Amino acid sequence: MNMTHKELVDQVSANLFKQSGKIESQRSWQAMRNYLEQLDSEQLKSMLKEAA
């Protein structure tokens, strides 16, 4: 998996959205994105593996 950090954040965000089926609010979506941005690439890859 050779993705940039931003691509990893996008992918994890998309997976979380698919799992929940909805976004509670724009504010909560942005808070989640901010949190994911703070994680390193290995943490994001691990989240993707767990979701698969």
C-alpha atoms as a PDB file:
ATOM      1  CA  MET A   1       0.000   0.000   0.000  1.00  0.00           C
ATOM      2  CA  ASN A   2       1.830   3.066  -1.256  1.00  0.00           C
ATOM      3  CA  MET A   3      -0.490   5.923  -0.420  1.00  0.00           C
ATOM      4  CA  THR A   4       0.289   9.426   0.712  1.00  0.00           C
ATOM      5  CA  HIS A   5      -0.801  10.492   4.179  1.00  0.00           C
ATOM      6  CA  LYS A   6      -3.693  12.474   2.693  1.00  0.00           C
ATOM      7  CA  GLU A   7      -4.818   9.470   0.642  1.00  0.00           C
ATOM      8  CA  LEU A   8      -4.743   7.310   3.774  1.00  0.00           C
ATOM      9  CA  VAL A   9      -6.828   9.873   5.684  1.00  0.00           C
ATOM     10  CA  ASP A  10      -9.293  10.003   2.775  1.00  0.00           C
ATOM     11  CA  GLN A  11      -9.561   6.214   2.645  1.00  0.00           C
ATOM     12  CA  VAL A  12     -10.059   5.791   6.401  1.00  0.00           C
ATOM     13  CA  SER A  13     -12.655   8.583   6.362  1.00  0.00           C
ATOM     14  CA  ALA A  14     -14.511   6.904   3.507  1.00  0.00           C
ATOM     15  CA  ASN A  15     -14.480   3.562   5.343  1.00  0.00           C
ATOM     16  CA  LEU A  16     -15.833   5.136   8.516  1.00  0.00           C
ATOM     17  CA  PHE A  17     -18.581   6.837   6.531  1.00  0.00           C
ATOM     18  CA  LYS A  18     -19.534   3.524   4.871  1.00  0.00           C
ATOM     19  CA  GLN A  19     -19.697   1.809   8.266  1.00  0.00           C
ATOM     20  CA  SER A  20     -21.856   4.462   9.894  1.00  0.00           C
ATOM     21  CA  GLY A  21     -23.951   5.213   6.817  1.00  0.00           C
ATOM     22  CA  LYS A  22     -24.240   8.866   7.688  1.00  0.00           C
ATOM     23  CA  ILE A  23     -22.394  11.936   8.867  1.00  0.00           C
ATOM     24  CA  GLU A  24     -23.743  13.337  12.107  1.00  0.00           C
ATOM     25  CA  SER A  25     -22.770  16.872  11.212  1.00  0.00           C
ATOM     26  CA  GLN A  26     -20.203  18.819   9.267  1.00  0.00           C
ATOM     27  CA  ARG A  27     -18.564  19.693  12.569  1.00  0.00           C
ATOM     28  CA  SER A  28     -18.199  16.074  13.670  1.00  0.00           C
ATOM     29  CA  TRP A  29     -16.923  15.106  10.203  1.00  0.00           C
ATOM     30  CA  GLN A  30     -14.254  17.818  10.429  1.00  0.00           C
ATOM     31  CA  ALA A  31     -13.319  16.750  13.961  1.00  0.00           C
ATOM     32  CA  MET A  32     -12.850  13.182  12.752  1.00  0.00           C
ATOM     33  CA  ARG A  33     -10.723  14.369   9.808  1.00  0.00           C
ATOM     34  CA  ASN A  34      -8.593  16.505  12.140  1.00  0.00           C
ATOM     35  CA  TYR A  35      -8.029  13.496  14.389  1.00  0.00           C
ATOM     36  CA  LEU A  36      -7.070  11.264  11.461  1.00  0.00           C
ATOM     37  CA  GLU A  37      -4.662  13.921  10.167  1.00  0.00           C
ATOM     38  CA  GLN A  38      -2.772  13.683  13.466  1.00  0.00           C
ATOM     39  CA  LEU A  39      -2.196   9.938  13.156  1.00  0.00           C
ATOM     40  CA  ASP A  40       0.900   8.654  11.421  1.00  0.00           C
ATOM     41  CA  SER A  41       0.734   6.598   8.237  1.00  0.00           C
ATOM     42  CA  GLU A  42       1.264   3.290  10.043  1.00  0.00           C
ATOM     43  CA  GLN A  43      -1.686   3.941  12.343  1.00  0.00           C
ATOM     44  CA  LEU A  44      -3.876   4.796   9.355  1.00  0.00           C
ATOM     45  CA  LYS A  45      -2.764   1.660   7.478  1.00  0.00           C
ATOM     46  CA  SER A  46      -3.582  -0.389  10.560  1.00  0.00           C
ATOM     47  CA  MET A  47      -7.089   1.093  10.656  1.00  0.00           C
ATOM     48  CA  LEU A  48      -7.584   0.189   6.996  1.00  0.00           C
ATOM     49  CA  LYS A  49      -6.473  -3.393   7.614  1.00  0.00           C
ATOM     50  CA  GLU A  50      -8.882  -3.735  10.550  1.00  0.00           C
ATOM     51  CA  ALA A  51     -11.750  -2.464   8.412  1.00  0.00           C
ATOM     52  CA  ALA A  52     -11.076  -4.977   5.641  1.00  0.00           C
END
